[in-house]
Amino acid sequence: MTVSKTAEKSSEKPADAAKGRKDAGEPQTEALQLGELSEQLGYVLKRAQLKVFENFLRCMASLQLTPAQFSVLLLVEKNPGRNQTEIASTLGILRPNFVAMLDNLESRDLCARIRSTNDRRSHILVLTDKGKAVLARAKKLVATKHEARLNDLLGQANREALIGMLSKIANEF
């Protein structure tokens, strides 16, 4: 932190000397002008994603699940016997990141890696009993808190339209 010469000479603390200056680190009353940025689809999508993830993390705080971990548990539940490469690929998670996530989920006894009988180099993923119980609670929280809030904000028709548009971008862009 730099201290102005006037603050050093006076008995004021640096924070007190900075009061009244626009660069004092206090929030400005006027919002920044975004210009064309506010019309860039990528920017708006990212801002929306951040808000959605923040809400998801608040809803899942008691279970300590991230959106990616929740997604992994859902896919493992719906696709028994599939290997970790398939799950990671479907979710677009890089191998090193996925291995670290699986290590975390395994250490919490939510899932297990079992060597494949077809290919000994491959591991299939299964939910543990604890993983099934945590996922059931997570699904309830997501439905009653997270998704419900989004549904209240958007309405059913807009929600379905948005899912359709975002799916088109994800699948065709």
N, C-alpha and C. Protein backbone atom coordinates (compact mmCIF):
# COMPACT_ATOMS: atom_id res chain seq x y z
N MET A 1 0.85 -1.17 0.00
CA MET A 1 0.00 0.00 0.00
C MET A 1 0.89 1.22 0.00
N THR A 2 0.53 2.20 -0.82
CA THR A 2 1.30 3.44 -0.82
C THR A 2 0.56 4.46 0.01
N VAL A 3 1.33 5.31 0.65
CA VAL A 3 0.76 6.34 1.51
C VAL A 3 1.13 7.69 0.91
N SER A 4 0.14 8.56 0.79
CA SER A 4 0.42 9.88 0.23
C SER A 4 1.27 10.69 1.20
N LYS A 5 2.04 11.64 0.65
CA LYS A 5 2.91 12.49 1.48
C LYS A 5 2.09 13.28 2.49
N THR A 6 0.91 13.73 2.11
CA THR A 6 0.10 14.52 3.04
C THR A 6 -0.37 13.67 4.19
N ALA A 7 -0.67 12.40 3.93
CA ALA A 7 -1.12 11.52 5.00
C ALA A 7 0.03 11.22 5.95
N GLU A 8 1.26 11.11 5.41
CA GLU A 8 2.40 10.83 6.27
C GLU A 8 2.68 11.99 7.21
N LYS A 9 2.54 13.22 6.70
CA LYS A 9 2.86 14.41 7.48
C LYS A 9 1.82 14.69 8.54
N SER A 10 0.56 14.39 8.22
CA SER A 10 -0.49 14.68 9.18
C SER A 10 -0.66 13.50 10.12
N SER A 11 -1.50 13.67 11.09
CA SER A 11 -1.75 12.57 12.04
C SER A 11 -2.85 11.65 11.53
N GLU A 12 -3.39 11.96 10.33
CA GLU A 12 -4.46 11.12 9.78
C GLU A 12 -3.92 9.76 9.38
N LYS A 13 -4.77 8.77 9.48
CA LYS A 13 -4.44 7.45 8.95
C LYS A 13 -4.61 7.52 7.44
N PRO A 14 -3.87 6.69 6.68
CA PRO A 14 -3.99 6.73 5.22
C PRO A 14 -5.42 6.57 4.73
N ALA A 15 -6.19 5.68 5.35
CA ALA A 15 -7.57 5.48 4.91
C ALA A 15 -8.40 6.73 5.12
N ASP A 16 -8.16 7.46 6.25
CA ASP A 16 -8.90 8.68 6.50
C ASP A 16 -8.50 9.76 5.50
N ALA A 17 -7.23 9.84 5.16
CA ALA A 17 -6.75 10.85 4.22
C ALA A 17 -7.33 10.60 2.84
N ALA A 18 -7.61 9.34 2.51
CA ALA A 18 -8.12 9.00 1.19
C ALA A 18 -9.60 9.28 1.03
N LYS A 19 -10.29 9.49 2.12
CA LYS A 19 -11.75 9.73 2.03
C LYS A 19 -12.01 10.92 1.13
N GLY A 20 -13.04 10.78 0.35
CA GLY A 20 -13.41 11.87 -0.54
C GLY A 20 -12.76 11.76 -1.91
N ARG A 21 -11.71 10.96 -2.06
CA ARG A 21 -11.09 10.76 -3.36
C ARG A 21 -11.82 9.66 -4.10
N LYS A 22 -11.92 9.81 -5.42
CA LYS A 22 -12.62 8.80 -6.20
C LYS A 22 -11.87 7.48 -6.25
N ASP A 23 -10.54 7.50 -6.07
CA ASP A 23 -9.76 6.27 -6.17
C ASP A 23 -9.50 5.66 -4.80
N ALA A 24 -10.28 6.00 -3.82
CA ALA A 24 -10.02 5.57 -2.45
C ALA A 24 -10.39 4.12 -2.19
N GLY A 25 -10.81 3.40 -3.21
CA GLY A 25 -11.13 2.00 -3.01
C GLY A 25 -12.57 1.77 -2.58
N GLU A 26 -13.31 2.84 -2.41
CA GLU A 26 -14.73 2.70 -2.04
C GLU A 26 -15.52 2.50 -3.31
N PRO A 27 -16.63 1.77 -3.23
CA PRO A 27 -17.44 1.56 -4.44
C PRO A 27 -17.96 2.88 -4.98
N GLN A 28 -17.91 3.00 -6.28
CA GLN A 28 -18.42 4.19 -6.93
C GLN A 28 -19.94 4.10 -7.06
N THR A 29 -20.59 5.23 -7.02
CA THR A 29 -22.05 5.23 -7.12
C THR A 29 -22.50 5.00 -8.55
N GLU A 30 -21.66 5.30 -9.51
CA GLU A 30 -22.02 5.15 -10.91
C GLU A 30 -21.45 3.85 -11.45
N ALA A 31 -22.28 3.03 -12.06
CA ALA A 31 -21.82 1.75 -12.60
C ALA A 31 -20.94 1.98 -13.82
N LEU A 32 -20.01 1.07 -14.04
CA LEU A 32 -19.18 1.14 -15.24
C LEU A 32 -20.04 0.95 -16.48
N GLN A 33 -19.70 1.63 -17.53
CA GLN A 33 -20.39 1.47 -18.80
C GLN A 33 -19.78 0.28 -19.54
N LEU A 34 -20.60 -0.68 -19.90
CA LEU A 34 -20.11 -1.88 -20.55
C LEU A 34 -20.00 -1.75 -22.06
N GLY A 35 -20.71 -0.80 -22.64
CA GLY A 35 -20.66 -0.63 -24.08
C GLY A 35 -21.13 -1.88 -24.81
N GLU A 36 -20.38 -2.24 -25.86
CA GLU A 36 -20.76 -3.41 -26.67
C GLU A 36 -20.67 -4.72 -25.89
N LEU A 37 -19.91 -4.72 -24.81
CA LEU A 37 -19.75 -5.95 -24.02
C LEU A 37 -21.10 -6.49 -23.55
N SER A 38 -22.02 -5.60 -23.20
CA SER A 38 -23.32 -6.04 -22.70
C SER A 38 -24.16 -6.73 -23.77
N GLU A 39 -23.74 -6.62 -25.02
CA GLU A 39 -24.47 -7.27 -26.11
C GLU A 39 -23.73 -8.48 -26.68
N GLN A 40 -22.59 -8.81 -26.07
CA GLN A 40 -21.82 -9.97 -26.51
C GLN A 40 -22.40 -11.21 -25.83
N LEU A 41 -22.87 -12.15 -26.62
CA LEU A 41 -23.50 -13.34 -26.09
C LEU A 41 -22.59 -14.10 -25.12
N GLY A 42 -21.33 -14.24 -25.48
CA GLY A 42 -20.39 -14.95 -24.61
C GLY A 42 -20.27 -14.30 -23.24
N TYR A 43 -20.21 -12.98 -23.21
CA TYR A 43 -20.10 -12.25 -21.94
C TYR A 43 -21.36 -12.46 -21.10
N VAL A 44 -22.51 -12.32 -21.72
CA VAL A 44 -23.78 -12.47 -20.99
C VAL A 44 -23.94 -13.91 -20.49
N LEU A 45 -23.57 -14.88 -21.31
CA LEU A 45 -23.63 -16.29 -20.89
C LEU A 45 -22.72 -16.53 -19.68
N LYS A 46 -21.52 -15.99 -19.72
CA LYS A 46 -20.58 -16.20 -18.62
C LYS A 46 -21.09 -15.56 -17.34
N ARG A 47 -21.63 -14.35 -17.43
CA ARG A 47 -22.18 -13.68 -16.24
C ARG A 47 -23.35 -14.49 -15.68
N ALA A 48 -24.21 -14.99 -16.54
CA ALA A 48 -25.34 -15.81 -16.09
C ALA A 48 -24.83 -17.10 -15.45
N GLN A 49 -23.82 -17.72 -16.07
CA GLN A 49 -23.26 -18.96 -15.51
C GLN A 49 -22.70 -18.72 -14.12
N LEU A 50 -22.01 -17.62 -13.93
CA LEU A 50 -21.45 -17.31 -12.61
C LEU A 50 -22.55 -17.18 -11.56
N LYS A 51 -23.63 -16.51 -11.91
CA LYS A 51 -24.74 -16.34 -10.97
C LYS A 51 -25.41 -17.68 -10.67
N VAL A 52 -25.60 -18.49 -11.68
CA VAL A 52 -26.23 -19.80 -11.50
C VAL A 52 -25.35 -20.68 -10.62
N PHE A 53 -24.04 -20.68 -10.87
CA PHE A 53 -23.13 -21.48 -10.06
C PHE A 53 -23.08 -20.98 -8.62
N GLU A 54 -23.08 -19.66 -8.42
CA GLU A 54 -23.10 -19.13 -7.05
C GLU A 54 -24.32 -19.63 -6.29
N ASN A 55 -25.47 -19.60 -6.95
CA ASN A 55 -26.68 -20.07 -6.30
C ASN A 55 -26.61 -21.58 -6.04
N PHE A 56 -26.09 -22.33 -6.99
CA PHE A 56 -25.95 -23.77 -6.83
C PHE A 56 -25.07 -24.07 -5.61
N LEU A 57 -23.94 -23.40 -5.51
CA LEU A 57 -23.02 -23.63 -4.39
C LEU A 57 -23.67 -23.29 -3.05
N ARG A 58 -24.47 -22.23 -3.02
CA ARG A 58 -25.20 -21.89 -1.78
C ARG A 58 -26.18 -23.01 -1.42
N CYS A 59 -26.90 -23.50 -2.40
CA CYS A 59 -27.88 -24.56 -2.17
C CYS A 59 -27.22 -25.87 -1.74
N MET A 60 -26.02 -26.13 -2.24
CA MET A 60 -25.31 -27.38 -1.96
C MET A 60 -24.30 -27.25 -0.82
N ALA A 61 -24.27 -26.13 -0.15
CA ALA A 61 -23.25 -25.89 0.89
C ALA A 61 -23.25 -27.00 1.94
N SER A 62 -24.41 -27.46 2.34
CA SER A 62 -24.47 -28.49 3.38
C SER A 62 -23.89 -29.83 2.91
N LEU A 63 -23.92 -30.07 1.58
CA LEU A 63 -23.40 -31.32 1.03
C LEU A 63 -22.00 -31.15 0.44
N GLN A 64 -21.55 -29.94 0.35
CA GLN A 64 -20.23 -29.63 -0.20
C GLN A 64 -20.01 -30.25 -1.57
N LEU A 65 -20.99 -30.01 -2.47
CA LEU A 65 -20.88 -30.49 -3.84
C LEU A 65 -20.79 -29.31 -4.80
N THR A 66 -19.88 -29.42 -5.74
CA THR A 66 -19.79 -28.43 -6.81
C THR A 66 -20.70 -28.87 -7.96
N PRO A 67 -20.98 -27.96 -8.89
CA PRO A 67 -21.77 -28.38 -10.05
C PRO A 67 -21.13 -29.56 -10.81
N ALA A 68 -19.81 -29.54 -10.95
CA ALA A 68 -19.14 -30.63 -11.67
C ALA A 68 -19.26 -31.95 -10.91
N GLN A 69 -19.09 -31.92 -9.60
CA GLN A 69 -19.21 -33.15 -8.81
C GLN A 69 -20.63 -33.70 -8.88
N PHE A 70 -21.61 -32.82 -8.78
CA PHE A 70 -23.01 -33.23 -8.89
C PHE A 70 -23.25 -33.89 -10.25
N SER A 71 -22.71 -33.28 -11.29
CA SER A 71 -22.87 -33.82 -12.65
C SER A 71 -22.25 -35.21 -12.77
N VAL A 72 -21.08 -35.39 -12.19
CA VAL A 72 -20.42 -36.70 -12.22
C VAL A 72 -21.28 -37.74 -11.52
N LEU A 73 -21.76 -37.41 -10.33
CA LEU A 73 -22.59 -38.35 -9.58
C LEU A 73 -23.86 -38.70 -10.35
N LEU A 74 -24.48 -37.71 -10.99
CA LEU A 74 -25.67 -37.97 -11.80
C LEU A 74 -25.37 -38.93 -12.96
N LEU A 75 -24.27 -38.67 -13.67
CA LEU A 75 -23.94 -39.52 -14.81
C LEU A 75 -23.58 -40.94 -14.38
N VAL A 76 -22.87 -41.06 -13.27
CA VAL A 76 -22.53 -42.39 -12.77
C VAL A 76 -23.79 -43.15 -12.39
N GLU A 77 -24.74 -42.45 -11.77
CA GLU A 77 -26.00 -43.09 -11.39
C GLU A 77 -26.78 -43.56 -12.63
N LYS A 78 -26.83 -42.71 -13.65
CA LYS A 78 -27.63 -43.02 -14.84
C LYS A 78 -26.94 -43.95 -15.82
N ASN A 79 -25.63 -44.13 -15.65
CA ASN A 79 -24.85 -44.94 -16.60
C ASN A 79 -23.97 -45.93 -15.86
N PRO A 80 -24.58 -46.89 -15.17
CA PRO A 80 -23.78 -47.84 -14.41
C PRO A 80 -22.86 -48.65 -15.32
N GLY A 81 -21.64 -48.88 -14.83
CA GLY A 81 -20.70 -49.69 -15.58
C GLY A 81 -19.90 -48.94 -16.62
N ARG A 82 -20.11 -47.63 -16.77
CA ARG A 82 -19.34 -46.85 -17.75
C ARG A 82 -18.01 -46.46 -17.12
N ASN A 83 -17.01 -46.27 -17.96
CA ASN A 83 -15.69 -45.97 -17.43
C ASN A 83 -15.46 -44.48 -17.23
N GLN A 84 -14.40 -44.16 -16.49
CA GLN A 84 -14.17 -42.78 -16.12
C GLN A 84 -13.83 -41.91 -17.33
N THR A 85 -13.23 -42.48 -18.36
CA THR A 85 -12.92 -41.71 -19.57
C THR A 85 -14.20 -41.24 -20.26
N GLU A 86 -15.19 -42.13 -20.32
CA GLU A 86 -16.47 -41.77 -20.95
C GLU A 86 -17.18 -40.67 -20.17
N ILE A 87 -17.17 -40.77 -18.85
CA ILE A 87 -17.84 -39.77 -18.01
C ILE A 87 -17.14 -38.42 -18.17
N ALA A 88 -15.81 -38.42 -18.09
CA ALA A 88 -15.05 -37.18 -18.22
C ALA A 88 -15.26 -36.54 -19.59
N SER A 89 -15.24 -37.36 -20.63
CA SER A 89 -15.43 -36.86 -21.99
C SER A 89 -16.82 -36.25 -22.17
N THR A 90 -17.83 -36.92 -21.66
CA THR A 90 -19.20 -36.42 -21.78
C THR A 90 -19.35 -35.06 -21.11
N LEU A 91 -18.67 -34.87 -19.99
CA LEU A 91 -18.77 -33.61 -19.25
C LEU A 91 -17.75 -32.57 -19.70
N GLY A 92 -16.85 -32.95 -20.59
CA GLY A 92 -15.84 -32.01 -21.07
C GLY A 92 -14.80 -31.67 -20.01
N ILE A 93 -14.48 -32.62 -19.14
CA ILE A 93 -13.51 -32.40 -18.08
C ILE A 93 -12.19 -33.06 -18.49
N LEU A 94 -11.11 -32.31 -18.42
CA LEU A 94 -9.80 -32.83 -18.76
C LEU A 94 -9.40 -33.95 -17.80
N ARG A 95 -8.66 -34.92 -18.33
CA ARG A 95 -8.27 -36.10 -17.55
C ARG A 95 -7.63 -35.77 -16.20
N PRO A 96 -6.61 -34.89 -16.15
CA PRO A 96 -5.98 -34.61 -14.84
C PRO A 96 -6.97 -34.00 -13.84
N ASN A 97 -7.84 -33.13 -14.32
CA ASN A 97 -8.84 -32.52 -13.44
C ASN A 97 -9.86 -33.56 -12.97
N PHE A 98 -10.21 -34.46 -13.88
CA PHE A 98 -11.19 -35.48 -13.54
C PHE A 98 -10.64 -36.46 -12.51
N VAL A 99 -9.38 -36.83 -12.68
CA VAL A 99 -8.75 -37.75 -11.72
C VAL A 99 -8.73 -37.12 -10.33
N ALA A 100 -8.39 -35.84 -10.25
CA ALA A 100 -8.37 -35.14 -8.96
C ALA A 100 -9.78 -35.08 -8.36
N MET A 101 -10.79 -34.85 -9.20
CA MET A 101 -12.17 -34.81 -8.71
C MET A 101 -12.59 -36.18 -8.20
N LEU A 102 -12.25 -37.23 -8.94
CA LEU A 102 -12.59 -38.59 -8.49
C LEU A 102 -11.89 -38.94 -7.19
N ASP A 103 -10.64 -38.51 -7.05
CA ASP A 103 -9.92 -38.73 -5.79
C ASP A 103 -10.69 -38.12 -4.63
N ASN A 104 -11.19 -36.90 -4.85
CA ASN A 104 -11.96 -36.21 -3.81
C ASN A 104 -13.26 -36.96 -3.50
N LEU A 105 -13.99 -37.35 -4.54
CA LEU A 105 -15.26 -38.05 -4.34
C LEU A 105 -15.03 -39.41 -3.67
N GLU A 106 -13.97 -40.09 -4.05
CA GLU A 106 -13.64 -41.37 -3.41
C GLU A 106 -13.24 -41.19 -1.96
N SER A 107 -12.48 -40.16 -1.67
CA SER A 107 -12.05 -39.93 -0.28
C SER A 107 -13.24 -39.61 0.62
N ARG A 108 -14.31 -39.12 0.02
CA ARG A 108 -15.54 -38.83 0.76
C ARG A 108 -16.51 -40.02 0.73
N ASP A 109 -16.07 -41.11 0.13
CA ASP A 109 -16.84 -42.35 0.02
C ASP A 109 -18.15 -42.15 -0.75
N LEU A 110 -18.11 -41.32 -1.81
CA LEU A 110 -19.31 -41.09 -2.62
C LEU A 110 -19.32 -41.95 -3.87
N CYS A 111 -18.14 -42.32 -4.35
CA CYS A 111 -18.07 -43.21 -5.51
C CYS A 111 -16.82 -44.06 -5.39
N ALA A 112 -16.74 -45.08 -6.25
CA ALA A 112 -15.58 -45.97 -6.26
C ALA A 112 -15.20 -46.29 -7.69
N ARG A 113 -13.91 -46.50 -7.90
CA ARG A 113 -13.39 -46.95 -9.19
C ARG A 113 -13.12 -48.45 -9.07
N ILE A 114 -13.65 -49.18 -10.02
CA ILE A 114 -13.47 -50.63 -10.03
C ILE A 114 -12.83 -51.01 -11.35
N ARG A 115 -11.77 -51.81 -11.26
CA ARG A 115 -11.08 -52.24 -12.49
C ARG A 115 -12.07 -52.99 -13.38
N SER A 116 -12.10 -52.63 -14.64
CA SER A 116 -12.99 -53.26 -15.60
C SER A 116 -12.58 -54.70 -15.85
N THR A 117 -13.56 -55.57 -15.95
CA THR A 117 -13.26 -56.97 -16.26
C THR A 117 -12.94 -57.14 -17.74
N ASN A 118 -13.43 -56.22 -18.58
CA ASN A 118 -13.19 -56.28 -20.03
C ASN A 118 -11.84 -55.71 -20.42
N ASP A 119 -11.41 -54.67 -19.70
CA ASP A 119 -10.16 -53.98 -20.03
C ASP A 119 -9.49 -53.59 -18.72
N ARG A 120 -8.46 -54.33 -18.35
CA ARG A 120 -7.83 -54.13 -17.04
C ARG A 120 -7.17 -52.76 -16.89
N ARG A 121 -6.98 -52.03 -18.00
CA ARG A 121 -6.41 -50.68 -17.93
C ARG A 121 -7.48 -49.65 -17.58
N SER A 122 -8.72 -50.03 -17.67
CA SER A 122 -9.85 -49.11 -17.50
C SER A 122 -10.54 -49.33 -16.15
N HIS A 123 -11.13 -48.25 -15.65
CA HIS A 123 -11.90 -48.33 -14.40
C HIS A 123 -13.33 -47.88 -14.64
N ILE A 124 -14.26 -48.67 -14.13
CA ILE A 124 -15.66 -48.24 -14.18
C ILE A 124 -15.96 -47.51 -12.87
N LEU A 125 -16.95 -46.66 -12.92
CA LEU A 125 -17.33 -45.88 -11.75
C LEU A 125 -18.67 -46.35 -11.21
N VAL A 126 -18.75 -46.44 -9.91
CA VAL A 126 -20.00 -46.81 -9.24
C VAL A 126 -20.21 -45.89 -8.06
N LEU A 127 -21.47 -45.65 -7.76
CA LEU A 127 -21.80 -44.89 -6.55
C LEU A 127 -21.76 -45.83 -5.35
N THR A 128 -21.26 -45.34 -4.26
CA THR A 128 -21.33 -46.10 -3.01
C THR A 128 -22.71 -45.88 -2.41
N ASP A 129 -23.04 -46.61 -1.35
CA ASP A 129 -24.32 -46.38 -0.67
C ASP A 129 -24.40 -44.94 -0.17
N LYS A 130 -23.30 -44.45 0.38
CA LYS A 130 -23.27 -43.06 0.85
C LYS A 130 -23.45 -42.11 -0.33
N GLY A 131 -22.82 -42.42 -1.45
CA GLY A 131 -22.95 -41.59 -2.65
C GLY A 131 -24.38 -41.54 -3.15
N LYS A 132 -25.07 -42.68 -3.10
CA LYS A 132 -26.48 -42.72 -3.50
C LYS A 132 -27.33 -41.86 -2.58
N ALA A 133 -27.06 -41.92 -1.28
CA ALA A 133 -27.83 -41.13 -0.31
C ALA A 133 -27.56 -39.64 -0.49
N VAL A 134 -26.29 -39.27 -0.67
CA VAL A 134 -25.93 -37.86 -0.86
C VAL A 134 -26.54 -37.35 -2.17
N LEU A 135 -26.49 -38.14 -3.22
CA LEU A 135 -27.06 -37.72 -4.50
C LEU A 135 -28.57 -37.54 -4.38
N ALA A 136 -29.25 -38.41 -3.66
CA ALA A 136 -30.70 -38.26 -3.47
C ALA A 136 -31.01 -36.93 -2.76
N ARG A 137 -30.25 -36.61 -1.73
CA ARG A 137 -30.44 -35.34 -1.02
C ARG A 137 -30.10 -34.16 -1.93
N ALA A 138 -29.04 -34.30 -2.72
CA ALA A 138 -28.64 -33.23 -3.63
C ALA A 138 -29.71 -32.97 -4.68
N LYS A 139 -30.29 -34.04 -5.22
CA LYS A 139 -31.36 -33.87 -6.23
C LYS A 139 -32.54 -33.10 -5.65
N LYS A 140 -32.88 -33.42 -4.40
CA LYS A 140 -33.98 -32.70 -3.74
C LYS A 140 -33.66 -31.23 -3.58
N LEU A 141 -32.45 -30.93 -3.11
CA LEU A 141 -32.04 -29.53 -2.94
C LEU A 141 -32.02 -28.79 -4.27
N VAL A 142 -31.51 -29.43 -5.29
CA VAL A 142 -31.45 -28.79 -6.61
C VAL A 142 -32.87 -28.50 -7.10
N ALA A 143 -33.75 -29.47 -6.98
CA ALA A 143 -35.13 -29.30 -7.47
C ALA A 143 -35.89 -28.24 -6.68
N THR A 144 -35.79 -28.31 -5.34
CA THR A 144 -36.64 -27.43 -4.52
C THR A 144 -36.06 -26.05 -4.28
N LYS A 145 -34.75 -25.91 -4.44
CA LYS A 145 -34.14 -24.59 -4.20
C LYS A 145 -33.55 -23.99 -5.46
N HIS A 146 -32.61 -24.67 -6.05
CA HIS A 146 -31.86 -24.10 -7.18
C HIS A 146 -32.73 -23.98 -8.43
N GLU A 147 -33.20 -25.10 -8.93
CA GLU A 147 -34.01 -25.07 -10.16
C GLU A 147 -35.33 -24.33 -9.93
N ALA A 148 -35.89 -24.45 -8.73
CA ALA A 148 -37.13 -23.74 -8.43
C ALA A 148 -36.93 -22.23 -8.54
N ARG A 149 -35.78 -21.75 -8.07
CA ARG A 149 -35.51 -20.31 -8.17
C ARG A 149 -35.38 -19.88 -9.63
N LEU A 150 -34.71 -20.69 -10.43
CA LEU A 150 -34.60 -20.38 -11.85
C LEU A 150 -35.96 -20.41 -12.53
N ASN A 151 -36.78 -21.40 -12.17
CA ASN A 151 -38.13 -21.49 -12.75
C ASN A 151 -38.98 -20.29 -12.36
N ASP A 152 -38.87 -19.85 -11.11
CA ASP A 152 -39.62 -18.67 -10.68
C ASP A 152 -39.18 -17.44 -11.46
N LEU A 153 -37.90 -17.33 -11.71
CA LEU A 153 -37.36 -16.18 -12.43
C LEU A 153 -37.77 -16.18 -13.90
N LEU A 154 -37.67 -17.33 -14.55
CA LEU A 154 -37.88 -17.41 -15.99
C LEU A 154 -39.28 -17.79 -16.41
N GLY A 155 -39.96 -18.60 -15.61
CA GLY A 155 -41.22 -19.19 -16.05
C GLY A 155 -40.92 -20.43 -16.88
N GLN A 156 -41.85 -21.37 -16.90
CA GLN A 156 -41.64 -22.66 -17.56
C GLN A 156 -41.35 -22.52 -19.06
N ALA A 157 -42.12 -21.70 -19.76
CA ALA A 157 -41.94 -21.58 -21.21
C ALA A 157 -40.57 -20.99 -21.55
N ASN A 158 -40.16 -19.94 -20.84
CA ASN A 158 -38.84 -19.34 -21.10
C ASN A 158 -37.72 -20.30 -20.72
N ARG A 159 -37.93 -21.05 -19.65
CA ARG A 159 -36.92 -22.03 -19.21
C ARG A 159 -36.70 -23.06 -20.31
N GLU A 160 -37.79 -23.60 -20.85
CA GLU A 160 -37.68 -24.61 -21.90
C GLU A 160 -37.04 -24.02 -23.16
N ALA A 161 -37.42 -22.78 -23.49
CA ALA A 161 -36.84 -22.12 -24.67
C ALA A 161 -35.34 -21.89 -24.47
N LEU A 162 -34.94 -21.46 -23.28
CA LEU A 162 -33.54 -21.22 -23.00
C LEU A 162 -32.73 -22.51 -23.06
N ILE A 163 -33.26 -23.58 -22.50
CA ILE A 163 -32.57 -24.87 -22.57
C ILE A 163 -32.41 -25.29 -24.04
N GLY A 164 -33.43 -25.09 -24.82
CA GLY A 164 -33.35 -25.42 -26.25
C GLY A 164 -32.28 -24.60 -26.97
N MET A 165 -32.24 -23.30 -26.71
CA MET A 165 -31.26 -22.44 -27.37
C MET A 165 -29.83 -22.77 -26.92
N LEU A 166 -29.64 -22.97 -25.63
CA LEU A 166 -28.31 -23.30 -25.12
C LEU A 166 -27.85 -24.67 -25.61
N SER A 167 -28.79 -25.61 -25.71
CA SER A 167 -28.44 -26.94 -26.23
C SER A 167 -28.02 -26.84 -27.70
N LYS A 168 -28.70 -25.98 -28.45
CA LYS A 168 -28.33 -25.79 -29.86
C LYS A 168 -26.90 -25.26 -29.97
N ILE A 169 -26.55 -24.28 -29.14
CA ILE A 169 -25.18 -23.75 -29.15
C ILE A 169 -24.20 -24.86 -28.77
N ALA A 170 -24.50 -25.58 -27.70
CA ALA A 170 -23.59 -26.63 -27.22
C ALA A 170 -23.39 -27.74 -28.25
N ASN A 171 -24.44 -28.08 -28.98
CA ASN A 171 -24.37 -29.21 -29.91
C ASN A 171 -23.94 -28.84 -31.33
N GLU A 172 -24.17 -27.58 -31.72
CA GLU A 172 -23.97 -27.24 -33.13
C GLU A 172 -22.92 -26.17 -33.38
N PHE A 173 -22.47 -25.49 -32.37
CA PHE A 173 -21.56 -24.36 -32.57
C PHE A 173 -20.14 -24.82 -32.75
